[in-house]
Amino acid sequence: METEKIERSNPDSTGETSRSLAVET
């Protein structure tokens, strides 16, 4: 559920955030 929060906060780092989220979730 935090994936959407980070993606909205970091629209520029969607790729990097997605990787960090996949590991955290």
N, C-alpha and C. Protein backbone atom coordinates (compact mmCIF):
# COMPACT_ATOMS: atom_id res chain seq x y z
N MET A 1 0.85 -1.21 0.00
CA MET A 1 0.00 0.00 0.00
C MET A 1 0.88 1.26 0.00
N GLU A 2 2.09 1.09 0.45
CA GLU A 2 2.99 2.27 0.47
C GLU A 2 3.53 2.55 -0.94
N THR A 3 3.37 1.61 -1.82
CA THR A 3 3.89 1.79 -3.18
C THR A 3 3.23 3.01 -3.83
N GLU A 4 1.94 3.16 -3.64
CA GLU A 4 1.24 4.30 -4.24
C GLU A 4 1.70 5.61 -3.59
N LYS A 5 1.93 5.56 -2.31
CA LYS A 5 2.36 6.79 -1.60
C LYS A 5 3.72 7.24 -2.12
N ILE A 6 4.63 6.33 -2.28
CA ILE A 6 5.98 6.69 -2.75
C ILE A 6 5.92 7.11 -4.22
N GLU A 7 5.15 6.39 -4.99
CA GLU A 7 5.07 6.74 -6.43
C GLU A 7 4.53 8.15 -6.60
N ARG A 8 3.61 8.52 -5.76
CA ARG A 8 3.02 9.88 -5.88
C ARG A 8 4.03 10.92 -5.37
N SER A 9 4.77 10.55 -4.36
CA SER A 9 5.75 11.50 -3.80
C SER A 9 7.00 11.56 -4.69
N ASN A 10 7.34 10.45 -5.31
CA ASN A 10 8.54 10.42 -6.18
C ASN A 10 8.18 10.00 -7.60
N PRO A 11 7.48 10.84 -8.30
CA PRO A 11 7.09 10.52 -9.68
C PRO A 11 8.32 10.45 -10.59
N ASP A 12 9.40 11.02 -10.11
CA ASP A 12 10.64 11.01 -10.92
C ASP A 12 11.44 9.73 -10.70
N SER A 13 11.25 9.13 -9.53
CA SER A 13 12.01 7.90 -9.22
C SER A 13 11.06 6.71 -9.12
N THR A 14 10.13 6.63 -10.01
CA THR A 14 9.16 5.52 -9.96
C THR A 14 9.89 4.19 -10.13
N GLY A 15 10.86 4.16 -11.00
CA GLY A 15 11.61 2.91 -11.24
C GLY A 15 12.40 2.53 -10.00
N GLU A 16 13.13 3.47 -9.45
CA GLU A 16 13.95 3.14 -8.26
C GLU A 16 13.05 2.85 -7.06
N THR A 17 11.99 3.60 -6.92
CA THR A 17 11.10 3.38 -5.77
C THR A 17 10.44 2.01 -5.90
N SER A 18 10.06 1.65 -7.10
CA SER A 18 9.41 0.34 -7.30
C SER A 18 10.34 -0.78 -6.83
N ARG A 19 11.61 -0.63 -7.08
CA ARG A 19 12.57 -1.69 -6.67
C ARG A 19 12.64 -1.71 -5.13
N SER A 20 12.73 -0.60 -4.52
CA SER A 20 12.83 -0.55 -3.04
C SER A 20 11.53 -1.09 -2.42
N LEU A 21 10.42 -0.78 -3.04
CA LEU A 21 9.13 -1.23 -2.49
C LEU A 21 9.02 -2.74 -2.63
N ALA A 22 9.39 -3.25 -3.75
CA ALA A 22 9.30 -4.71 -3.98
C ALA A 22 10.09 -5.44 -2.89
N VAL A 23 11.18 -4.87 -2.47
CA VAL A 23 12.00 -5.53 -1.44
C VAL A 23 11.39 -5.31 -0.06
N GLU A 24 10.86 -4.14 0.17
CA GLU A 24 10.27 -3.85 1.49
C GLU A 24 8.94 -4.58 1.66
N THR A 25 8.16 -4.66 0.61
CA THR A 25 6.85 -5.32 0.74
C THR A 25 7.09 -6.81 0.67
